[in-house]
Amino acid sequence: MKLSRNLSIALIIIANIAIDQISKVYVRSTMTEGARGKIDVIGDYFQLIWVENEGAFLGMGSDMNPTLKLIFLLILPTIVLGYVIYYIVKTKTLDRLSLIAFCCIVGGGIANVFDRIVLGSVTDFFFIDLGWKLKTGIFNVADLSVTTGMIILIFSNFLSKKKKSTIKS
């Protein structure tokens, strides 16, 4: 049985939101917030550290006044996410990889906006430190979805350009 395109879009977005929200509920119910509740998953290289992020990426904007937070962390992202959903539903020419990428981006974005609306902050808990300057800020599954979506989108764009240049040759 082949799923309709719009049902596939909805399922991918919902799966991204669900996995993120389940992971956050688990972290909030089983961990102690902050560095004292740190769990070493793979030594110092991969750790779980629960923090509540009141800003955006890497806490940027956490010190903004409430009106600016409302505009830049809730209203604008909601408008952008709405537009991307409209775009992927209406643009029937998107290749499968790009469609999956946009769905990951939207699912992760919705999950983090949901946290901001319901909790006033975003629950983050993954931390990777591979030494030297190869370390991340603390992030979550939604951030991973958005980042993965962006990487897939870049890869898909590269593939489609390569295909077009091969066809022209």
C-alpha atoms as a PDB file:
ATOM      1  CA  MET A   1       0.000   0.000   0.000  1.00  0.00           C
ATOM      2  CA  LYS A   2       1.408   3.357  -1.024  1.00  0.00           C
ATOM      3  CA  LEU A   3       0.779   6.266   1.337  1.00  0.00           C
ATOM      4  CA  SER A   4      -0.432   9.551  -0.078  1.00  0.00           C
ATOM      5  CA  ARG A   5       2.172  12.295  -0.302  1.00  0.00           C
ATOM      6  CA  ASN A   6       0.445  14.508   2.277  1.00  0.00           C
ATOM      7  CA  LEU A   7       0.009  11.611   4.709  1.00  0.00           C
ATOM      8  CA  SER A   8       3.707  10.789   4.343  1.00  0.00           C
ATOM      9  CA  ILE A   9       4.583  14.425   5.056  1.00  0.00           C
ATOM     10  CA  ALA A  10       2.371  14.445   8.159  1.00  0.00           C
ATOM     11  CA  LEU A  11       3.755  11.142   9.441  1.00  0.00           C
ATOM     12  CA  ILE A  12       7.400  12.227   9.087  1.00  0.00           C
ATOM     13  CA  ILE A  13       6.704  15.534  10.847  1.00  0.00           C
ATOM     14  CA  ILE A  14       4.710  13.842  13.623  1.00  0.00           C
ATOM     15  CA  ALA A  15       7.417  11.178  14.101  1.00  0.00           C
ATOM     16  CA  ASN A  16      10.063  13.891  14.538  1.00  0.00           C
ATOM     17  CA  ILE A  17       7.908  15.748  17.072  1.00  0.00           C
ATOM     18  CA  ALA A  18       6.994  12.557  18.950  1.00  0.00           C
ATOM     19  CA  ILE A  19      10.559  11.260  19.268  1.00  0.00           C
ATOM     20  CA  ASP A  20      11.723  14.663  20.486  1.00  0.00           C
ATOM     21  CA  GLN A  21       8.922  15.112  23.007  1.00  0.00           C
ATOM     22  CA  ILE A  22       9.242  11.569  24.357  1.00  0.00           C
ATOM     23  CA  SER A  23      12.998  12.070  24.864  1.00  0.00           C
ATOM     24  CA  LYS A  24      12.399  15.384  26.668  1.00  0.00           C
ATOM     25  CA  VAL A  25       9.707  13.946  28.955  1.00  0.00           C
ATOM     26  CA  TYR A  26      12.073  11.091  29.805  1.00  0.00           C
ATOM     27  CA  VAL A  27      14.954  13.471  30.575  1.00  0.00           C
ATOM     28  CA  ARG A  28      12.788  15.767  32.716  1.00  0.00           C
ATOM     29  CA  SER A  29      11.381  12.819  34.674  1.00  0.00           C
ATOM     30  CA  THR A  30      14.607  10.860  35.254  1.00  0.00           C
ATOM     31  CA  MET A  31      17.530  13.307  35.373  1.00  0.00           C
ATOM     32  CA  THR A  32      18.709  16.020  37.726  1.00  0.00           C
ATOM     33  CA  GLU A  33      18.983  19.384  36.020  1.00  0.00           C
ATOM     34  CA  GLY A  34      22.445  20.841  35.460  1.00  0.00           C
ATOM     35  CA  ALA A  35      26.014  19.558  35.542  1.00  0.00           C
ATOM     36  CA  ARG A  36      25.596  17.676  38.826  1.00  0.00           C
ATOM     37  CA  GLY A  37      23.092  15.390  37.086  1.00  0.00           C
ATOM     38  CA  LYS A  38      25.477  14.675  34.218  1.00  0.00           C
ATOM     39  CA  ILE A  39      25.480  11.145  32.796  1.00  0.00           C
ATOM     40  CA  ASP A  40      28.549   9.923  30.922  1.00  0.00           C
ATOM     41  CA  VAL A  41      27.258   7.820  28.022  1.00  0.00           C
ATOM     42  CA  ILE A  42      30.641   7.388  26.318  1.00  0.00           C
ATOM     43  CA  GLY A  43      33.165   8.745  28.802  1.00  0.00           C
ATOM     44  CA  ASP A  44      33.639  12.498  28.472  1.00  0.00           C
ATOM     45  CA  TYR A  45      32.945  12.269  24.734  1.00  0.00           C
ATOM     46  CA  PHE A  46      29.152  11.914  24.828  1.00  0.00           C
ATOM     47  CA  GLN A  47      27.192  13.046  27.862  1.00  0.00           C
ATOM     48  CA  LEU A  48      23.649  13.770  28.904  1.00  0.00           C
ATOM     49  CA  ILE A  49      23.343  17.087  30.735  1.00  0.00           C
ATOM     50  CA  TRP A  50      19.832  18.453  31.243  1.00  0.00           C
ATOM     51  CA  VAL A  51      19.443  22.216  30.854  1.00  0.00           C
ATOM     52  CA  GLU A  52      16.434  24.417  30.171  1.00  0.00           C
ATOM     53  CA  ASN A  53      17.324  26.813  27.358  1.00  0.00           C
ATOM     54  CA  GLU A  54      15.315  30.041  27.402  1.00  0.00           C
ATOM     55  CA  GLY A  55      16.953  31.292  24.214  1.00  0.00           C
ATOM     56  CA  ALA A  56      17.510  29.917  20.753  1.00  0.00           C
ATOM     57  CA  PHE A  57      20.515  28.018  19.388  1.00  0.00           C
ATOM     58  CA  LEU A  58      23.210  27.751  22.111  1.00  0.00           C
ATOM     59  CA  GLY A  59      21.135  29.981  24.386  1.00  0.00           C
ATOM     60  CA  MET A  60      21.381  33.003  22.092  1.00  0.00           C
ATOM     61  CA  GLY A  61      18.669  35.491  22.904  1.00  0.00           C
ATOM     62  CA  SER A  62      18.005  34.178  26.412  1.00  0.00           C
ATOM     63  CA  ASP A  63      18.651  37.666  27.794  1.00  0.00           C
ATOM     64  CA  MET A  64      16.230  39.420  25.394  1.00  0.00           C
ATOM     65  CA  ASN A  65      13.259  41.212  26.866  1.00  0.00           C
ATOM     66  CA  PRO A  66       9.974  39.228  26.856  1.00  0.00           C
ATOM     67  CA  THR A  67       8.508  41.097  23.858  1.00  0.00           C
ATOM     68  CA  LEU A  68      11.523  40.377  21.663  1.00  0.00           C
ATOM     69  CA  LYS A  69      11.522  36.748  22.818  1.00  0.00           C
ATOM     70  CA  LEU A  70       7.867  36.482  21.845  1.00  0.00           C
ATOM     71  CA  ILE A  71       8.575  37.921  18.384  1.00  0.00           C
ATOM     72  CA  PHE A  72      11.871  36.170  17.585  1.00  0.00           C
ATOM     73  CA  LEU A  73      11.438  32.851  19.395  1.00  0.00           C
ATOM     74  CA  LEU A  74       7.713  32.206  18.922  1.00  0.00           C
ATOM     75  CA  ILE A  75       5.937  34.348  16.331  1.00  0.00           C
ATOM     76  CA  LEU A  76       8.578  34.429  13.556  1.00  0.00           C
ATOM     77  CA  PRO A  77       9.483  30.721  13.844  1.00  0.00           C
ATOM     78  CA  THR A  78       5.766  29.820  13.745  1.00  0.00           C
ATOM     79  CA  ILE A  79       5.257  31.904  10.593  1.00  0.00           C
ATOM     80  CA  VAL A  80       8.342  30.369   8.942  1.00  0.00           C
ATOM     81  CA  LEU A  81       7.287  26.826   9.891  1.00  0.00           C
ATOM     82  CA  GLY A  82       3.795  27.499   8.538  1.00  0.00           C
ATOM     83  CA  TYR A  83       5.248  28.733   5.266  1.00  0.00           C
ATOM     84  CA  VAL A  84       7.570  25.708   4.942  1.00  0.00           C
ATOM     85  CA  ILE A  85       4.619  23.354   5.518  1.00  0.00           C
ATOM     86  CA  TYR A  86       2.645  25.232   2.859  1.00  0.00           C
ATOM     87  CA  TYR A  87       5.651  25.076   0.508  1.00  0.00           C
ATOM     88  CA  ILE A  88       6.246  21.339   0.848  1.00  0.00           C
ATOM     89  CA  VAL A  89       2.551  20.493   0.490  1.00  0.00           C
ATOM     90  CA  LYS A  90       2.076  22.707  -2.592  1.00  0.00           C
ATOM     91  CA  THR A  91       5.413  22.055  -4.341  1.00  0.00           C
ATOM     92  CA  LYS A  92       4.846  18.704  -6.005  1.00  0.00           C
ATOM     93  CA  THR A  93       8.216  18.792  -7.799  1.00  0.00           C
ATOM     94  CA  LEU A  94      10.331  18.324  -4.657  1.00  0.00           C
ATOM     95  CA  ASP A  95      12.483  15.211  -4.805  1.00  0.00           C
ATOM     96  CA  ARG A  96      12.055  12.632  -2.034  1.00  0.00           C
ATOM     97  CA  LEU A  97      15.242  13.584  -0.171  1.00  0.00           C
ATOM     98  CA  SER A  98      14.321  17.279  -0.099  1.00  0.00           C
ATOM     99  CA  LEU A  99      10.819  16.434   1.084  1.00  0.00           C
ATOM    100  CA  ILE A 100      12.184  14.306   3.949  1.00  0.00           C
ATOM    101  CA  ALA A 101      14.677  17.055   4.805  1.00  0.00           C
ATOM    102  CA  PHE A 102      11.991  19.748   4.998  1.00  0.00           C
ATOM    103  CA  CYS A 103       9.810  17.438   7.123  1.00  0.00           C
ATOM    104  CA  CYS A 104      12.680  16.909   9.582  1.00  0.00           C
ATOM    105  CA  ILE A 105      13.289  20.654   9.777  1.00  0.00           C
ATOM    106  CA  VAL A 106       9.591  21.374  10.354  1.00  0.00           C
ATOM    107  CA  GLY A 107       9.176  18.570  12.911  1.00  0.00           C
ATOM    108  CA  GLY A 108      12.179  19.731  14.921  1.00  0.00           C
ATOM    109  CA  GLY A 109      11.090  23.354  14.681  1.00  0.00           C
ATOM    110  CA  ILE A 110       7.556  22.608  15.846  1.00  0.00           C
ATOM    111  CA  ALA A 111       8.855  20.515  18.760  1.00  0.00           C
ATOM    112  CA  ASN A 112      11.043  23.352  20.044  1.00  0.00           C
ATOM    113  CA  VAL A 113       8.346  26.005  19.541  1.00  0.00           C
ATOM    114  CA  PHE A 114       5.957  23.730  21.438  1.00  0.00           C
ATOM    115  CA  ASP A 115       8.413  23.625  24.363  1.00  0.00           C
ATOM    116  CA  ARG A 116       8.692  27.412  24.378  1.00  0.00           C
ATOM    117  CA  ILE A 117       4.898  27.800  24.428  1.00  0.00           C
ATOM    118  CA  VAL A 118       4.208  25.133  27.064  1.00  0.00           C
ATOM    119  CA  LEU A 119       7.310  25.362  29.285  1.00  0.00           C
ATOM    120  CA  GLY A 120       8.756  28.789  28.496  1.00  0.00           C
ATOM    121  CA  SER A 121      12.060  27.116  27.619  1.00  0.00           C
ATOM    122  CA  VAL A 122      13.475  24.280  25.526  1.00  0.00           C
ATOM    123  CA  THR A 123      14.765  21.118  27.182  1.00  0.00           C
ATOM    124  CA  ASP A 124      18.301  20.320  25.953  1.00  0.00           C
ATOM    125  CA  PHE A 125      20.412  17.364  27.076  1.00  0.00           C
ATOM    126  CA  PHE A 126      22.936  16.006  24.529  1.00  0.00           C
ATOM    127  CA  PHE A 127      26.564  17.127  24.758  1.00  0.00           C
ATOM    128  CA  ILE A 128      29.446  15.920  22.580  1.00  0.00           C
ATOM    129  CA  ASP A 129      33.097  16.734  23.309  1.00  0.00           C
ATOM    130  CA  LEU A 130      35.616  15.073  20.994  1.00  0.00           C
ATOM    131  CA  GLY A 131      38.479  17.150  22.377  1.00  0.00           C
ATOM    132  CA  TRP A 132      40.389  20.148  21.141  1.00  0.00           C
ATOM    133  CA  LYS A 133      37.735  22.415  19.541  1.00  0.00           C
ATOM    134  CA  LEU A 134      35.411  19.625  18.427  1.00  0.00           C
ATOM    135  CA  LYS A 135      32.545  20.007  20.860  1.00  0.00           C
ATOM    136  CA  THR A 136      28.931  21.003  20.702  1.00  0.00           C
ATOM    137  CA  GLY A 137      26.684  23.085  22.846  1.00  0.00           C
ATOM    138  CA  ILE A 138      23.972  21.189  24.674  1.00  0.00           C
ATOM    139  CA  PHE A 139      21.208  20.230  22.237  1.00  0.00           C
ATOM    140  CA  ASN A 140      18.165  17.969  21.845  1.00  0.00           C
ATOM    141  CA  VAL A 141      16.497  15.603  19.380  1.00  0.00           C
ATOM    142  CA  ALA A 142      14.619  18.473  17.691  1.00  0.00           C
ATOM    143  CA  ASP A 143      17.907  20.287  17.064  1.00  0.00           C
ATOM    144  CA  LEU A 144      19.282  17.043  15.659  1.00  0.00           C
ATOM    145  CA  SER A 145      16.237  16.771  13.347  1.00  0.00           C
ATOM    146  CA  VAL A 146      16.692  20.326  12.074  1.00  0.00           C
ATOM    147  CA  THR A 147      20.438  19.855  11.548  1.00  0.00           C
ATOM    148  CA  THR A 148      19.955  16.492   9.837  1.00  0.00           C
ATOM    149  CA  GLY A 149      17.284  18.040   7.623  1.00  0.00           C
ATOM    150  CA  MET A 150      19.630  20.860   6.634  1.00  0.00           C
ATOM    151  CA  ILE A 151      22.441  18.414   5.813  1.00  0.00           C
ATOM    152  CA  ILE A 152      20.075  16.252   3.739  1.00  0.00           C
ATOM    153  CA  LEU A 153      18.784  19.357   1.945  1.00  0.00           C
ATOM    154  CA  ILE A 154      22.320  20.474   1.052  1.00  0.00           C
ATOM    155  CA  PHE A 155      23.201  16.936  -0.064  1.00  0.00           C
ATOM    156  CA  SER A 156      19.983  16.685  -2.112  1.00  0.00           C
ATOM    157  CA  ASN A 157      20.654  20.047  -3.740  1.00  0.00           C
ATOM    158  CA  PHE A 158      24.192  18.944  -4.616  1.00  0.00           C
ATOM    159  CA  LEU A 159      22.869  15.683  -6.103  1.00  0.00           C
ATOM    160  CA  SER A 160      20.227  17.436  -8.207  1.00  0.00           C
ATOM    161  CA  LYS A 161      22.785  19.928  -9.564  1.00  0.00           C
ATOM    162  CA  LYS A 162      25.139  17.072 -10.375  1.00  0.00           C
ATOM    163  CA  LYS A 163      22.305  15.205 -12.167  1.00  0.00           C
ATOM    164  CA  LYS A 164      21.406  18.306 -14.184  1.00  0.00           C
ATOM    165  CA  SER A 165      25.028  18.864 -15.245  1.00  0.00           C
ATOM    166  CA  THR A 166      25.342  15.193 -16.234  1.00  0.00           C
ATOM    167  CA  ILE A 167      22.172  15.438 -18.332  1.00  0.00           C
ATOM    168  CA  LYS A 168      23.465  18.563 -20.134  1.00  0.00           C
ATOM    169  CA  SER A 169      26.781  16.875 -21.025  1.00  0.00           C
END
